Amino acid sequence: MSYKRISPQPIAEGGTNATSMTDTDGVVYFDGTSLVTTTVGSSTQVLTSNGMGMAPTFQNIPPSTAGPAFSAYQASGDSVGVTGSGTIFTVGSDGTWTGGTLFDTAGAFTDTTCTYIIPQSGVYLMNAQIEVFNTDNTMTVSNFFINCSVFGNIRSRTVQVTGAAGRYTYSVAMLANLIATETLNISVQLSGAVSDTASVAGFSADFNTYFSAFFVMPLLS
């Protein structure tokens, strides 16, 4: 097979069907007739398809579409007395949560009552820890809950306190499908000594009692 010496050389004969490339440092693509170059992008931009019939272009990376999240803690020295009567105490229900909010991307956390209203349906990773002080060998921290208004207690932890009076921390974590407008909070239940009380919340340092939730992905069916 022989080739004619013509300009521009057809693509079928190994050419570009173009007489020049106009954009130095552009990316070569086929426009349906000949090989041409894109306009030159800038640093950090990415080459992006604009759909059928449209030339690709360099564009800025779109902003993150991460879902809502919050993280809050109880300040040291702020606590409330809870008896060992078996009553479930919802942390912050008496307005004693006076810690701080590290971040709350959707503005859905109420820092005085330690409650979070789910702003967007999806799968969330929830974490919580609580500090209990002045328990003794007659008391049991029988349950520590992350509560959900629709699904109830989505996770509980049972821990037997043995030994002398002291300071203990308990933590819990859970992945769950949550629906927008559901309410999250945390509770603790002490049992075994009706006349005794233990202090619940941040005692020795900030962050010993904390609560957080992070959107992970859309709802799972």
N, C-alpha and C. Protein backbone atom coordinates (compact mmCIF):
# COMPACT_ATOMS: atom_id res chain seq x y z
N MET A 1 0.84 -1.19 0.00
CA MET A 1 0.00 0.00 0.00
C MET A 1 0.88 1.24 0.00
N SER A 2 0.53 2.18 -0.84
CA SER A 2 1.31 3.41 -0.90
C SER A 2 0.47 4.58 -0.40
N TYR A 3 1.16 5.64 0.08
CA TYR A 3 0.49 6.81 0.62
C TYR A 3 0.80 8.02 -0.25
N LYS A 4 -0.18 8.84 -0.45
CA LYS A 4 0.01 10.08 -1.18
C LYS A 4 0.65 11.10 -0.25
N ARG A 5 1.52 11.89 -0.79
CA ARG A 5 2.15 12.95 0.00
C ARG A 5 1.27 14.19 -0.07
N ILE A 6 0.28 14.23 0.83
CA ILE A 6 -0.62 15.37 0.88
C ILE A 6 -0.64 15.92 2.29
N SER A 7 -1.09 17.13 2.42
CA SER A 7 -1.20 17.76 3.74
C SER A 7 -2.59 18.41 3.86
N PRO A 8 -3.31 18.13 4.91
CA PRO A 8 -2.89 17.26 6.02
C PRO A 8 -3.03 15.79 5.68
N GLN A 9 -2.20 14.97 6.30
CA GLN A 9 -2.23 13.53 6.06
C GLN A 9 -3.48 12.94 6.74
N PRO A 10 -4.31 12.19 6.03
CA PRO A 10 -5.51 11.61 6.62
C PRO A 10 -5.16 10.66 7.77
N ILE A 11 -6.07 10.56 8.73
CA ILE A 11 -5.87 9.65 9.87
C ILE A 11 -5.78 8.22 9.38
N ALA A 12 -6.56 7.87 8.37
CA ALA A 12 -6.55 6.50 7.84
C ALA A 12 -5.19 6.12 7.28
N GLU A 13 -4.38 7.12 6.96
CA GLU A 13 -3.06 6.86 6.40
C GLU A 13 -1.96 7.19 7.41
N GLY A 14 -2.36 7.23 8.70
CA GLY A 14 -1.37 7.44 9.75
C GLY A 14 -1.11 8.88 10.11
N GLY A 15 -1.89 9.79 9.57
CA GLY A 15 -1.69 11.20 9.86
C GLY A 15 -2.61 11.70 10.96
N THR A 16 -2.70 13.02 11.05
CA THR A 16 -3.54 13.66 12.08
C THR A 16 -4.74 14.36 11.47
N ASN A 17 -4.73 14.49 10.13
CA ASN A 17 -5.75 15.27 9.43
C ASN A 17 -5.81 16.71 9.95
N ALA A 18 -4.67 17.17 10.46
CA ALA A 18 -4.56 18.54 10.96
C ALA A 18 -3.25 19.14 10.46
N THR A 19 -3.28 20.43 10.25
CA THR A 19 -2.06 21.10 9.78
C THR A 19 -1.22 21.61 10.92
N SER A 20 -1.81 21.68 12.14
CA SER A 20 -1.04 22.17 13.29
C SER A 20 -1.76 21.78 14.58
N MET A 21 -1.03 21.85 15.68
CA MET A 21 -1.58 21.69 17.02
C MET A 21 -1.45 23.05 17.70
N THR A 22 -2.58 23.61 18.10
CA THR A 22 -2.56 25.01 18.52
C THR A 22 -2.22 25.25 19.98
N ASP A 23 -2.44 24.25 20.83
CA ASP A 23 -2.25 24.47 22.28
C ASP A 23 -1.09 23.63 22.80
N THR A 24 0.06 24.26 22.97
CA THR A 24 1.20 23.57 23.55
C THR A 24 0.85 23.13 24.97
N ASP A 25 1.17 21.88 25.29
CA ASP A 25 0.87 21.26 26.58
C ASP A 25 -0.60 20.87 26.73
N GLY A 26 -1.39 21.03 25.67
CA GLY A 26 -2.75 20.50 25.70
C GLY A 26 -2.73 19.00 25.49
N VAL A 27 -3.88 18.36 25.70
CA VAL A 27 -4.01 16.92 25.52
C VAL A 27 -4.68 16.65 24.18
N VAL A 28 -4.11 15.71 23.43
CA VAL A 28 -4.62 15.40 22.09
C VAL A 28 -5.86 14.52 22.19
N TYR A 29 -6.90 14.86 21.40
CA TYR A 29 -8.09 14.04 21.31
C TYR A 29 -8.66 14.13 19.90
N PHE A 30 -9.57 13.23 19.54
CA PHE A 30 -10.16 13.20 18.21
C PHE A 30 -11.50 13.93 18.24
N ASP A 31 -11.68 14.91 17.37
CA ASP A 31 -12.92 15.69 17.38
C ASP A 31 -13.93 15.22 16.35
N GLY A 32 -13.69 14.05 15.78
CA GLY A 32 -14.57 13.51 14.76
C GLY A 32 -14.04 13.72 13.36
N THR A 33 -13.09 14.64 13.22
CA THR A 33 -12.49 14.92 11.90
C THR A 33 -10.98 14.78 11.94
N SER A 34 -10.38 15.36 12.95
CA SER A 34 -8.92 15.35 13.04
C SER A 34 -8.49 15.30 14.49
N LEU A 35 -7.18 15.15 14.69
CA LEU A 35 -6.62 15.19 16.04
C LEU A 35 -6.35 16.64 16.41
N VAL A 36 -6.87 17.06 17.56
CA VAL A 36 -6.70 18.43 18.03
C VAL A 36 -6.28 18.39 19.49
N THR A 37 -6.02 19.53 20.06
CA THR A 37 -5.59 19.59 21.46
C THR A 37 -6.59 20.36 22.30
N THR A 38 -6.67 19.97 23.56
CA THR A 38 -7.50 20.72 24.51
C THR A 38 -6.79 22.02 24.86
N THR A 39 -7.54 22.94 25.43
CA THR A 39 -6.89 24.10 26.04
C THR A 39 -6.07 23.62 27.22
N VAL A 40 -5.12 24.40 27.64
CA VAL A 40 -4.22 24.00 28.71
C VAL A 40 -4.85 24.30 30.06
N GLY A 41 -4.86 23.32 30.94
CA GLY A 41 -5.38 23.54 32.29
C GLY A 41 -4.34 24.15 33.19
N SER A 42 -4.75 24.41 34.42
CA SER A 42 -3.83 24.95 35.42
C SER A 42 -3.52 23.88 36.46
N SER A 43 -2.55 24.16 37.27
CA SER A 43 -2.14 23.22 38.30
C SER A 43 -3.32 22.85 39.19
N THR A 44 -3.48 21.56 39.50
CA THR A 44 -4.51 20.94 40.34
C THR A 44 -5.82 20.68 39.59
N GLN A 45 -6.00 21.22 38.36
CA GLN A 45 -7.20 20.92 37.61
C GLN A 45 -7.12 19.51 37.02
N VAL A 46 -8.28 18.95 36.67
CA VAL A 46 -8.31 17.60 36.10
C VAL A 46 -9.05 17.64 34.76
N LEU A 47 -8.66 16.75 33.84
CA LEU A 47 -9.32 16.67 32.54
C LEU A 47 -10.68 16.01 32.72
N THR A 48 -11.72 16.67 32.21
CA THR A 48 -13.09 16.25 32.49
C THR A 48 -13.89 16.12 31.20
N SER A 49 -14.65 15.03 31.08
CA SER A 49 -15.54 14.86 29.93
C SER A 49 -16.74 15.79 30.09
N ASN A 50 -17.13 16.42 29.00
CA ASN A 50 -18.32 17.28 29.00
C ASN A 50 -19.48 16.65 28.25
N GLY A 51 -19.41 15.34 28.00
CA GLY A 51 -20.49 14.64 27.35
C GLY A 51 -20.28 14.51 25.85
N MET A 52 -21.15 13.73 25.23
CA MET A 52 -21.04 13.45 23.80
C MET A 52 -21.15 14.74 22.98
N GLY A 53 -20.26 14.89 22.01
CA GLY A 53 -20.28 16.05 21.12
C GLY A 53 -19.61 17.28 21.68
N MET A 54 -19.07 17.21 22.90
CA MET A 54 -18.43 18.35 23.54
C MET A 54 -16.96 18.03 23.79
N ALA A 55 -16.12 19.00 23.57
CA ALA A 55 -14.68 18.80 23.80
C ALA A 55 -14.40 18.66 25.29
N PRO A 56 -13.48 17.77 25.67
CA PRO A 56 -13.09 17.69 27.08
C PRO A 56 -12.32 18.95 27.48
N THR A 57 -12.41 19.31 28.74
CA THR A 57 -11.71 20.50 29.24
C THR A 57 -11.12 20.21 30.61
N PHE A 58 -10.14 21.00 30.97
CA PHE A 58 -9.60 20.94 32.32
C PHE A 58 -10.49 21.75 33.24
N GLN A 59 -10.84 21.17 34.40
CA GLN A 59 -11.74 21.83 35.34
C GLN A 59 -11.24 21.65 36.77
N ASN A 60 -11.71 22.53 37.65
CA ASN A 60 -11.37 22.42 39.06
C ASN A 60 -12.01 21.17 39.65
N ILE A 61 -11.34 20.56 40.61
CA ILE A 61 -11.90 19.41 41.31
C ILE A 61 -13.10 19.89 42.12
N PRO A 62 -14.26 19.24 41.99
CA PRO A 62 -15.45 19.70 42.74
C PRO A 62 -15.23 19.56 44.24
N PRO A 63 -15.89 20.39 45.04
CA PRO A 63 -15.73 20.32 46.50
C PRO A 63 -16.25 19.01 47.05
N SER A 64 -15.77 18.65 48.21
CA SER A 64 -16.18 17.41 48.87
C SER A 64 -17.67 17.42 49.14
N THR A 65 -18.30 16.26 48.98
CA THR A 65 -19.72 16.12 49.27
C THR A 65 -19.94 15.29 50.53
N ALA A 66 -18.99 15.37 51.45
CA ALA A 66 -19.11 14.62 52.70
C ALA A 66 -20.39 14.99 53.43
N GLY A 67 -21.00 14.00 54.07
CA GLY A 67 -22.24 14.22 54.79
C GLY A 67 -22.02 14.86 56.14
N PRO A 68 -23.09 15.05 56.90
CA PRO A 68 -23.02 15.73 58.19
C PRO A 68 -22.25 14.94 59.24
N ALA A 69 -21.71 15.66 60.21
CA ALA A 69 -20.97 15.04 61.31
C ALA A 69 -20.91 16.01 62.47
N PHE A 70 -20.74 15.46 63.67
CA PHE A 70 -20.54 16.31 64.84
C PHE A 70 -19.66 15.58 65.85
N SER A 71 -19.04 16.33 66.72
CA SER A 71 -18.27 15.78 67.82
C SER A 71 -18.31 16.76 68.98
N ALA A 72 -18.72 16.28 70.15
CA ALA A 72 -18.87 17.15 71.32
C ALA A 72 -18.30 16.45 72.55
N TYR A 73 -17.93 17.22 73.55
CA TYR A 73 -17.36 16.65 74.77
C TYR A 73 -17.88 17.40 75.99
N GLN A 74 -17.80 16.72 77.14
CA GLN A 74 -18.17 17.32 78.41
C GLN A 74 -16.91 17.87 79.08
N ALA A 75 -16.98 19.10 79.57
CA ALA A 75 -15.82 19.72 80.20
C ALA A 75 -15.53 19.06 81.54
N SER A 76 -14.27 19.10 81.95
CA SER A 76 -13.88 18.53 83.24
C SER A 76 -14.57 19.29 84.36
N GLY A 77 -14.93 18.57 85.42
CA GLY A 77 -15.54 19.19 86.59
C GLY A 77 -17.05 19.34 86.50
N ASP A 78 -17.64 19.09 85.33
CA ASP A 78 -19.09 19.20 85.19
C ASP A 78 -19.69 17.81 85.27
N SER A 79 -20.56 17.57 86.25
CA SER A 79 -21.10 16.23 86.44
C SER A 79 -22.46 16.30 87.11
N VAL A 80 -23.09 15.15 87.24
CA VAL A 80 -24.38 15.03 87.91
C VAL A 80 -24.40 13.73 88.68
N GLY A 81 -25.08 13.71 89.84
CA GLY A 81 -25.16 12.50 90.64
C GLY A 81 -26.26 11.57 90.15
N VAL A 82 -25.93 10.29 90.00
CA VAL A 82 -26.89 9.28 89.55
C VAL A 82 -26.92 8.17 90.59
N THR A 83 -28.11 7.76 91.02
CA THR A 83 -28.21 6.71 92.02
C THR A 83 -28.11 5.34 91.37
N GLY A 84 -27.91 4.34 92.22
CA GLY A 84 -27.82 2.97 91.74
C GLY A 84 -29.15 2.25 91.75
N SER A 85 -30.21 2.99 91.53
CA SER A 85 -31.56 2.42 91.62
C SER A 85 -31.99 1.69 90.35
N GLY A 86 -31.16 1.70 89.33
CA GLY A 86 -31.53 1.06 88.07
C GLY A 86 -32.18 2.00 87.09
N THR A 87 -32.41 3.24 87.50
CA THR A 87 -33.00 4.23 86.60
C THR A 87 -32.03 4.56 85.47
N ILE A 88 -32.55 4.65 84.27
CA ILE A 88 -31.72 5.03 83.13
C ILE A 88 -31.64 6.55 83.06
N PHE A 89 -30.43 7.09 83.20
CA PHE A 89 -30.22 8.53 83.18
C PHE A 89 -29.72 8.94 81.80
N THR A 90 -30.46 9.84 81.16
CA THR A 90 -30.05 10.37 79.86
C THR A 90 -29.10 11.54 80.08
N VAL A 91 -27.88 11.39 79.64
CA VAL A 91 -26.86 12.41 79.85
C VAL A 91 -27.29 13.72 79.21
N GLY A 92 -27.25 14.79 80.00
CA GLY A 92 -27.62 16.10 79.50
C GLY A 92 -29.09 16.42 79.64
N SER A 93 -29.92 15.44 80.05
CA SER A 93 -31.36 15.67 80.14
C SER A 93 -31.71 16.71 81.20
N ASP A 94 -30.82 16.92 82.17
CA ASP A 94 -31.07 17.93 83.20
C ASP A 94 -30.38 19.26 82.89
N GLY A 95 -29.84 19.36 81.65
CA GLY A 95 -29.19 20.60 81.25
C GLY A 95 -27.79 20.77 81.78
N THR A 96 -27.16 19.68 82.26
CA THR A 96 -25.84 19.80 82.86
C THR A 96 -24.70 19.63 81.85
N TRP A 97 -25.03 19.32 80.60
CA TRP A 97 -23.96 19.18 79.61
C TRP A 97 -23.41 20.57 79.28
N THR A 98 -22.24 20.87 79.74
CA THR A 98 -21.67 22.22 79.57
C THR A 98 -20.27 22.15 78.98
N GLY A 99 -20.07 21.19 78.12
CA GLY A 99 -18.76 21.04 77.51
C GLY A 99 -18.60 21.91 76.28
N GLY A 100 -18.06 21.34 75.23
CA GLY A 100 -17.82 22.09 74.01
C GLY A 100 -18.13 21.24 72.79
N THR A 101 -18.33 21.89 71.67
CA THR A 101 -18.57 21.21 70.39
C THR A 101 -17.37 21.44 69.49
N LEU A 102 -16.68 20.37 69.15
CA LEU A 102 -15.51 20.48 68.28
C LEU A 102 -15.93 20.88 66.88
N PHE A 103 -16.99 20.25 66.37
CA PHE A 103 -17.55 20.63 65.07
C PHE A 103 -18.96 20.08 64.98
N ASP A 104 -19.79 20.73 64.18
CA ASP A 104 -21.17 20.33 63.95
C ASP A 104 -21.55 20.87 62.58
N THR A 105 -21.28 20.09 61.54
CA THR A 105 -21.36 20.60 60.17
C THR A 105 -22.77 20.98 59.75
N ALA A 106 -23.78 20.37 60.37
CA ALA A 106 -25.17 20.66 59.98
C ALA A 106 -25.91 21.48 61.03
N GLY A 107 -25.23 21.87 62.11
CA GLY A 107 -25.89 22.63 63.17
C GLY A 107 -27.02 21.86 63.82
N ALA A 108 -26.84 20.52 63.98
CA ALA A 108 -27.93 19.67 64.48
C ALA A 108 -27.74 19.20 65.90
N PHE A 109 -26.64 19.60 66.56
CA PHE A 109 -26.37 19.17 67.93
C PHE A 109 -26.77 20.29 68.90
N THR A 110 -27.51 19.92 69.95
CA THR A 110 -27.89 20.86 71.00
C THR A 110 -26.95 20.65 72.18
N ASP A 111 -26.09 21.63 72.45
CA ASP A 111 -25.03 21.41 73.42
C ASP A 111 -25.50 21.46 74.87
N THR A 112 -26.69 21.96 75.15
CA THR A 112 -27.16 21.99 76.54
C THR A 112 -27.80 20.68 76.97
N THR A 113 -28.34 19.93 76.02
CA THR A 113 -29.01 18.67 76.35
C THR A 113 -28.33 17.44 75.77
N CYS A 114 -27.23 17.64 75.05
CA CYS A 114 -26.48 16.53 74.46
C CYS A 114 -27.36 15.67 73.55
N THR A 115 -28.09 16.32 72.65
CA THR A 115 -28.93 15.61 71.69
C THR A 115 -28.54 16.00 70.26
N TYR A 116 -28.67 15.05 69.36
CA TYR A 116 -28.35 15.27 67.95
C TYR A 116 -29.54 14.84 67.12
N ILE A 117 -30.04 15.75 66.27
CA ILE A 117 -31.14 15.43 65.36
C ILE A 117 -30.53 15.07 64.00
N ILE A 118 -30.75 13.84 63.54
CA ILE A 118 -30.16 13.39 62.28
C ILE A 118 -30.63 14.30 61.14
N PRO A 119 -29.71 15.02 60.47
CA PRO A 119 -30.11 15.96 59.42
C PRO A 119 -30.29 15.33 58.05
N GLN A 120 -29.71 14.15 57.84
CA GLN A 120 -29.74 13.51 56.52
C GLN A 120 -29.76 12.00 56.70
N SER A 121 -30.69 11.33 56.07
CA SER A 121 -30.77 9.87 56.18
C SER A 121 -29.52 9.22 55.64
N GLY A 122 -29.08 8.14 56.29
CA GLY A 122 -27.90 7.43 55.84
C GLY A 122 -27.35 6.51 56.91
N VAL A 123 -26.22 5.91 56.60
CA VAL A 123 -25.50 5.08 57.57
C VAL A 123 -24.55 5.98 58.36
N TYR A 124 -24.62 5.91 59.67
CA TYR A 124 -23.79 6.73 60.55
C TYR A 124 -22.92 5.85 61.44
N LEU A 125 -21.71 6.32 61.68
CA LEU A 125 -20.85 5.73 62.70
C LEU A 125 -20.98 6.60 63.95
N MET A 126 -21.45 6.00 65.03
CA MET A 126 -21.65 6.72 66.30
C MET A 126 -20.66 6.24 67.34
N ASN A 127 -20.10 7.17 68.08
CA ASN A 127 -19.15 6.85 69.14
C ASN A 127 -19.53 7.63 70.39
N ALA A 128 -19.38 7.00 71.54
CA ALA A 128 -19.64 7.70 72.80
C ALA A 128 -18.79 7.09 73.90
N GLN A 129 -18.43 7.93 74.85
CA GLN A 129 -17.72 7.48 76.04
C GLN A 129 -18.22 8.28 77.23
N ILE A 130 -18.30 7.64 78.38
CA ILE A 130 -18.77 8.32 79.58
C ILE A 130 -17.84 7.98 80.75
N GLU A 131 -17.65 8.94 81.63
CA GLU A 131 -16.84 8.73 82.83
C GLU A 131 -17.76 8.68 84.05
N VAL A 132 -17.58 7.66 84.87
CA VAL A 132 -18.35 7.50 86.10
C VAL A 132 -17.37 7.50 87.26
N PHE A 133 -17.63 8.36 88.26
CA PHE A 133 -16.69 8.55 89.37
C PHE A 133 -17.37 8.22 90.70
N ASN A 134 -16.59 7.60 91.60
CA ASN A 134 -17.02 7.32 92.96
C ASN A 134 -17.95 6.12 93.04
N THR A 135 -17.84 5.20 92.08
CA THR A 135 -18.54 3.93 92.22
C THR A 135 -17.78 3.07 93.23
N ASP A 136 -18.47 2.13 93.84
CA ASP A 136 -17.79 1.21 94.75
C ASP A 136 -18.22 -0.22 94.42
N ASN A 137 -17.78 -1.16 95.25
CA ASN A 137 -18.02 -2.56 94.90
C ASN A 137 -19.47 -3.00 95.10
N THR A 138 -20.34 -2.08 95.55
CA THR A 138 -21.76 -2.42 95.66
C THR A 138 -22.56 -1.93 94.46
N MET A 139 -21.92 -1.21 93.54
CA MET A 139 -22.64 -0.63 92.41
C MET A 139 -22.17 -1.24 91.10
N THR A 140 -23.06 -1.31 90.17
CA THR A 140 -22.78 -1.84 88.85
C THR A 140 -23.19 -0.82 87.79
N VAL A 141 -22.28 -0.52 86.88
CA VAL A 141 -22.67 0.23 85.69
C VAL A 141 -23.24 -0.82 84.74
N SER A 142 -24.57 -0.97 84.80
CA SER A 142 -25.19 -2.11 84.13
C SER A 142 -25.39 -1.90 82.64
N ASN A 143 -25.58 -0.65 82.22
CA ASN A 143 -25.77 -0.40 80.79
C ASN A 143 -25.30 1.00 80.43
N PHE A 144 -24.75 1.11 79.23
CA PHE A 144 -24.41 2.41 78.65
C PHE A 144 -24.96 2.38 77.24
N PHE A 145 -25.86 3.31 76.92
CA PHE A 145 -26.61 3.27 75.68
C PHE A 145 -26.27 4.43 74.76
N ILE A 146 -26.34 4.19 73.45
CA ILE A 146 -26.61 5.24 72.48
C ILE A 146 -28.08 5.05 72.09
N ASN A 147 -28.89 6.05 72.33
CA ASN A 147 -30.33 5.93 72.12
C ASN A 147 -30.74 6.54 70.79
N CYS A 148 -31.72 5.91 70.16
CA CYS A 148 -32.28 6.41 68.91
C CYS A 148 -33.79 6.45 69.05
N SER A 149 -34.40 7.55 68.65
CA SER A 149 -35.83 7.73 68.87
C SER A 149 -36.69 6.73 68.12
N VAL A 150 -36.20 6.20 67.00
CA VAL A 150 -36.99 5.27 66.21
C VAL A 150 -36.63 3.82 66.52
N PHE A 151 -35.34 3.51 66.55
CA PHE A 151 -34.91 2.12 66.73
C PHE A 151 -34.67 1.75 68.19
N GLY A 152 -34.84 2.69 69.09
CA GLY A 152 -34.62 2.40 70.50
C GLY A 152 -33.14 2.36 70.84
N ASN A 153 -32.78 1.58 71.86
CA ASN A 153 -31.38 1.47 72.27
C ASN A 153 -30.64 0.63 71.24
N ILE A 154 -29.90 1.29 70.37
CA ILE A 154 -29.27 0.56 69.27
C ILE A 154 -28.01 -0.17 69.70
N ARG A 155 -27.57 0.11 70.92
CA ARG A 155 -26.39 -0.60 71.41
C ARG A 155 -26.30 -0.39 72.91
N SER A 156 -25.97 -1.43 73.65
CA SER A 156 -25.74 -1.27 75.08
C SER A 156 -24.51 -2.06 75.49
N ARG A 157 -23.95 -1.65 76.60
CA ARG A 157 -22.74 -2.28 77.10
C ARG A 157 -22.93 -2.57 78.58
N THR A 158 -22.75 -3.78 79.00
CA THR A 158 -22.90 -4.14 80.41
C THR A 158 -21.53 -4.39 81.02
N VAL A 159 -21.22 -3.67 82.10
CA VAL A 159 -19.91 -3.76 82.74
C VAL A 159 -20.10 -3.88 84.24
N GLN A 160 -19.48 -4.86 84.85
CA GLN A 160 -19.55 -5.02 86.30
C GLN A 160 -18.37 -4.30 86.94
N VAL A 161 -18.67 -3.38 87.84
CA VAL A 161 -17.61 -2.68 88.57
C VAL A 161 -17.25 -3.49 89.80
N THR A 162 -16.00 -3.87 89.93
CA THR A 162 -15.55 -4.60 91.10
C THR A 162 -14.36 -3.89 91.70
N GLY A 163 -14.24 -3.97 93.01
CA GLY A 163 -13.11 -3.32 93.66
C GLY A 163 -13.53 -2.06 94.39
N ALA A 164 -12.54 -1.29 94.79
CA ALA A 164 -12.79 -0.09 95.60
C ALA A 164 -13.35 1.03 94.74
N ALA A 165 -13.78 2.08 95.46
CA ALA A 165 -14.30 3.26 94.76
C ALA A 165 -13.25 3.81 93.82
N GLY A 166 -13.69 4.34 92.69
CA GLY A 166 -12.73 4.87 91.73
C GLY A 166 -13.42 5.53 90.57
N ARG A 167 -12.64 5.76 89.55
CA ARG A 167 -13.11 6.45 88.35
C ARG A 167 -13.02 5.48 87.18
N TYR A 168 -14.10 5.35 86.43
CA TYR A 168 -14.16 4.39 85.34
C TYR A 168 -14.70 5.06 84.08
N THR A 169 -14.24 4.62 82.93
CA THR A 169 -14.79 5.11 81.67
C THR A 169 -15.32 3.93 80.87
N TYR A 170 -16.41 4.18 80.16
CA TYR A 170 -17.07 3.16 79.34
C TYR A 170 -17.33 3.75 77.97
N SER A 171 -17.10 2.96 76.94
CA SER A 171 -17.26 3.46 75.58
C SER A 171 -18.11 2.50 74.76
N VAL A 172 -18.70 3.03 73.71
CA VAL A 172 -19.55 2.23 72.83
C VAL A 172 -19.49 2.84 71.44
N ALA A 173 -19.59 2.00 70.41
CA ALA A 173 -19.58 2.46 69.02
C ALA A 173 -20.55 1.61 68.22
N MET A 174 -21.13 2.20 67.17
CA MET A 174 -22.14 1.48 66.40
C MET A 174 -22.29 2.08 65.02
N LEU A 175 -22.47 1.22 64.00
CA LEU A 175 -22.88 1.62 62.65
C LEU A 175 -24.35 1.29 62.50
N ALA A 176 -25.15 2.24 61.99
CA ALA A 176 -26.58 1.97 61.85
C ALA A 176 -27.20 2.84 60.78
N ASN A 177 -28.26 2.32 60.14
CA ASN A 177 -29.11 3.12 59.26
C ASN A 177 -29.92 4.08 60.11
N LEU A 178 -29.86 5.37 59.83
CA LEU A 178 -30.63 6.35 60.57
C LEU A 178 -31.39 7.24 59.61
N ILE A 179 -32.61 7.60 59.99
CA ILE A 179 -33.49 8.38 59.15
C ILE A 179 -33.48 9.84 59.63
N ALA A 180 -33.54 10.77 58.68
CA ALA A 180 -33.56 12.20 59.03
C ALA A 180 -34.66 12.49 60.04
N THR A 181 -34.36 13.36 60.98
CA THR A 181 -35.20 13.84 62.10
C THR A 181 -35.16 12.92 63.31
N GLU A 182 -34.52 11.73 63.22
CA GLU A 182 -34.37 10.91 64.42
C GLU A 182 -33.49 11.63 65.44
N THR A 183 -33.72 11.35 66.71
CA THR A 183 -32.96 11.97 67.80
C THR A 183 -31.99 10.97 68.40
N LEU A 184 -30.74 11.39 68.56
CA LEU A 184 -29.72 10.57 69.23
C LEU A 184 -29.34 11.21 70.55
N ASN A 185 -29.14 10.39 71.57
CA ASN A 185 -28.54 10.83 72.83
C ASN A 185 -27.89 9.63 73.49
N ILE A 186 -27.31 9.84 74.66
CA ILE A 186 -26.63 8.75 75.37
C ILE A 186 -27.17 8.65 76.80
N SER A 187 -27.21 7.42 77.32
CA SER A 187 -27.74 7.18 78.66
C SER A 187 -26.85 6.20 79.40
N VAL A 188 -26.96 6.24 80.74
CA VAL A 188 -26.23 5.30 81.58
C VAL A 188 -27.18 4.78 82.65
N GLN A 189 -26.97 3.53 83.06
CA GLN A 189 -27.80 2.91 84.08
C GLN A 189 -26.91 2.29 85.15
N LEU A 190 -27.10 2.71 86.39
CA LEU A 190 -26.36 2.17 87.53
C LEU A 190 -27.32 1.35 88.38
N SER A 191 -26.85 0.23 88.85
CA SER A 191 -27.70 -0.65 89.65
C SER A 191 -26.94 -1.17 90.86
N GLY A 192 -27.69 -1.63 91.88
CA GLY A 192 -27.09 -2.36 92.98
C GLY A 192 -27.01 -1.65 94.30
N ALA A 193 -27.16 -0.33 94.34
CA ALA A 193 -27.07 0.39 95.61
C ALA A 193 -28.00 1.59 95.54
N VAL A 194 -29.24 1.38 95.93
CA VAL A 194 -30.27 2.40 95.75
C VAL A 194 -29.94 3.69 96.47
N SER A 195 -29.28 3.60 97.63
CA SER A 195 -29.02 4.80 98.42
C SER A 195 -27.71 5.50 98.03
N ASP A 196 -26.91 4.87 97.19
CA ASP A 196 -25.63 5.45 96.81
C ASP A 196 -25.75 6.19 95.47
N THR A 197 -24.88 7.17 95.28
CA THR A 197 -24.84 7.90 94.01
C THR A 197 -23.42 7.90 93.46
N ALA A 198 -23.34 7.99 92.16
CA ALA A 198 -22.06 8.14 91.47
C ALA A 198 -22.15 9.37 90.58
N SER A 199 -21.02 10.00 90.37
CA SER A 199 -20.99 11.18 89.52
C SER A 199 -20.73 10.77 88.08
N VAL A 200 -21.54 11.30 87.18
CA VAL A 200 -21.45 10.96 85.77
C VAL A 200 -21.11 12.21 84.97
N ALA A 201 -20.12 12.12 84.10
CA ALA A 201 -19.72 13.15 83.13
C ALA A 201 -18.23 13.42 83.23
N GLY A 202 -17.81 14.60 82.78
CA GLY A 202 -16.39 14.89 82.69
C GLY A 202 -15.81 15.25 84.04
N PHE A 203 -14.93 14.40 84.57
CA PHE A 203 -14.38 14.69 85.88
C PHE A 203 -12.91 15.08 85.81
N SER A 204 -12.09 14.14 85.41
CA SER A 204 -10.65 14.37 85.52
C SER A 204 -10.10 15.24 84.40
N ALA A 205 -10.74 15.22 83.24
CA ALA A 205 -10.22 16.00 82.11
C ALA A 205 -11.30 16.15 81.05
N ASP A 206 -11.16 17.18 80.22
CA ASP A 206 -12.03 17.31 79.07
C ASP A 206 -11.90 16.06 78.19
N PHE A 207 -12.95 15.74 77.49
CA PHE A 207 -13.00 14.64 76.51
C PHE A 207 -13.15 13.27 77.16
N ASN A 208 -13.15 13.14 78.50
CA ASN A 208 -13.38 11.83 79.09
C ASN A 208 -14.82 11.38 78.88
N THR A 209 -15.72 12.34 78.71
CA THR A 209 -17.08 12.04 78.26
C THR A 209 -17.28 12.75 76.94
N TYR A 210 -17.62 11.99 75.89
CA TYR A 210 -17.79 12.61 74.58
C TYR A 210 -18.86 11.87 73.79
N PHE A 211 -19.31 12.47 72.71
CA PHE A 211 -20.37 11.92 71.87
C PHE A 211 -20.13 12.43 70.45
N SER A 212 -20.18 11.54 69.46
CA SER A 212 -19.96 11.96 68.09
C SER A 212 -20.71 11.05 67.13
N ALA A 213 -21.00 11.57 65.93
CA ALA A 213 -21.63 10.78 64.88
C ALA A 213 -21.15 11.30 63.53
N PHE A 214 -20.89 10.39 62.60
CA PHE A 214 -20.36 10.75 61.29
C PHE A 214 -21.15 10.01 60.21
N PHE A 215 -21.64 10.77 59.22
CA PHE A 215 -22.29 10.18 58.06
C PHE A 215 -21.25 9.39 57.27
N VAL A 216 -21.59 8.14 56.92
CA VAL A 216 -20.65 7.27 56.21
C VAL A 216 -21.07 7.06 54.76
N MET A 217 -22.35 6.78 54.53
CA MET A 217 -22.82 6.46 53.19
C MET A 217 -24.34 6.52 53.17
N PRO A 218 -24.96 6.50 51.96
CA PRO A 218 -26.43 6.48 51.88
C PRO A 218 -27.02 5.25 52.56
N LEU A 219 -28.32 5.30 52.81
CA LEU A 219 -29.01 4.19 53.48
C LEU A 219 -28.78 2.88 52.77
N LEU A 220 -28.61 1.81 53.56
CA LEU A 220 -28.52 0.47 53.02
C LEU A 220 -29.92 -0.16 53.03
N SER A 221 -30.28 -0.81 51.95
CA SER A 221 -31.60 -1.42 51.86
C SER A 221 -31.61 -2.76 52.57
